[in-house]
């Protein structure tokens, strides 16, 4: 099995609206998530994974700024993310296969 490192960046908005990725590839079972930024007490991103998920600040998993997480996903599932503190940020998603 070869690793397919395909980084993509998307930006949860400061308006509190969730953004979502397209479905993950047929050979993708793991993703790497990183939310780079200046540390604050409430900063980070909230995310959900599934079929057509919609992350909110009350239902999403918290990813603090500058942490990297490896998360199991299924082919075709999507990632939805929203800013935890209402400040626009960046979320880097890398599909690992």
Protein backbone atom coordinates (compact mmCIF):
# COMPACT_ATOMS: atom_id res chain seq x y z
CA UNK A 1 0.00 0.00 0.00
CA UNK A 2 1.38 3.36 -0.94
CA UNK A 3 0.69 6.59 0.92
CA UNK A 4 -1.25 9.21 -0.98
CA UNK A 5 -0.46 12.53 0.66
CA UNK A 6 -2.87 15.01 -0.87
CA UNK A 7 -3.05 18.13 1.29
CA UNK A 8 -6.03 20.41 0.95
CA UNK A 9 -6.74 23.57 2.86
CA UNK A 10 -10.10 25.04 3.59
CA UNK A 11 -11.18 27.89 5.79
CA UNK A 12 -13.94 27.75 8.39
CA UNK A 13 -15.46 31.22 8.38
CA UNK A 14 -15.82 33.74 11.15
CA UNK A 15 -19.57 33.88 10.53
CA UNK A 16 -20.05 30.50 12.18
CA UNK A 17 -21.08 28.67 9.01
CA UNK A 18 -19.64 25.18 8.62
CA UNK A 19 -17.66 24.25 5.51
CA UNK A 20 -17.32 20.71 4.17
CA UNK A 21 -14.95 18.69 2.03
CA UNK A 22 -15.95 16.57 -0.91
CA UNK A 23 -16.20 12.84 -0.24
CA UNK A 24 -12.90 11.15 0.59
CA UNK A 25 -11.33 8.88 -2.03
CA UNK A 26 -12.03 5.17 -2.43
CA UNK A 27 -8.67 4.25 -0.87
CA UNK A 28 -8.74 6.78 1.99
CA UNK A 29 -9.13 5.34 5.48
CA UNK A 30 -7.19 7.91 7.53
CA UNK A 31 -6.80 11.68 7.40
CA UNK A 32 -4.47 14.11 9.14
CA UNK A 33 -5.98 17.35 10.46
CA UNK A 34 -4.05 20.46 11.54
CA UNK A 35 -5.42 23.90 12.44
CA UNK A 36 -2.42 26.28 12.32
CA UNK A 37 -2.68 29.63 14.04
CA UNK A 38 -1.78 31.88 16.96
CA UNK A 39 -2.73 30.26 20.26
CA UNK A 40 -5.72 31.60 22.14
CA UNK A 41 -7.75 30.12 24.97
CA UNK A 42 -10.74 29.46 22.70
CA UNK A 43 -9.09 29.06 19.28
CA UNK A 44 -9.27 26.01 17.09
CA UNK A 45 -11.70 24.19 14.87
CA UNK A 46 -14.63 21.88 15.56
CA UNK A 47 -15.17 19.03 13.12
CA UNK A 48 -17.46 16.10 12.34
CA UNK A 49 -16.97 13.22 9.92
CA UNK A 50 -19.73 11.25 8.22
CA UNK A 51 -22.21 11.37 5.37
CA UNK A 52 -23.24 15.04 4.90
CA UNK A 53 -22.25 16.14 8.44
CA UNK A 54 -22.69 19.71 9.67
CA UNK A 55 -20.31 20.74 12.44
CA UNK A 56 -21.25 23.36 15.02
CA UNK A 57 -19.46 24.72 18.06
CA UNK A 58 -21.64 22.51 20.25
CA UNK A 59 -21.53 19.16 18.40
CA UNK A 60 -18.08 19.05 16.78
CA UNK A 61 -14.86 17.51 18.09
CA UNK A 62 -12.43 20.25 19.20
CA UNK A 63 -9.09 20.44 17.39
CA UNK A 64 -6.94 23.02 19.23
CA UNK A 65 -4.70 25.30 17.21
CA UNK A 66 -1.33 23.83 16.16
CA UNK A 67 -2.31 20.25 17.05
CA UNK A 68 -2.30 17.46 14.50
CA UNK A 69 -4.75 14.59 14.71
CA UNK A 70 -4.92 11.38 12.69
CA UNK A 71 -8.56 10.36 12.27
CA UNK A 72 -10.11 7.21 10.79
CA UNK A 73 -12.59 7.84 7.96
CA UNK A 74 -14.41 5.76 5.39
CA UNK A 75 -14.35 6.16 1.63
CA UNK A 76 -16.96 8.70 0.53
CA UNK A 77 -17.35 10.24 3.98
CA UNK A 78 -16.97 13.99 4.37
CA UNK A 79 -15.44 16.35 6.90
CA UNK A 80 -17.38 19.38 8.12
CA UNK A 81 -15.62 22.08 10.17
CA UNK A 82 -16.39 25.36 11.86
CA UNK A 83 -14.27 27.86 13.79
CA UNK A 84 -14.50 27.28 17.55
CA UNK A 85 -14.31 30.96 18.51
CA UNK A 86 -15.84 32.76 15.53
CA UNK A 87 -12.47 33.82 14.10
CA UNK A 88 -11.80 32.75 10.51
CA UNK A 89 -9.02 30.17 10.36
CA UNK A 90 -7.39 27.47 8.29
CA UNK A 91 -7.75 23.70 8.49
CA UNK A 92 -5.25 21.53 6.63
CA UNK A 93 -6.60 18.10 5.65
CA UNK A 94 -4.29 15.39 4.30
CA UNK A 95 -5.76 12.14 2.97
CA UNK A 96 -3.66 9.16 4.04
CA UNK A 97 -4.23 5.84 2.33
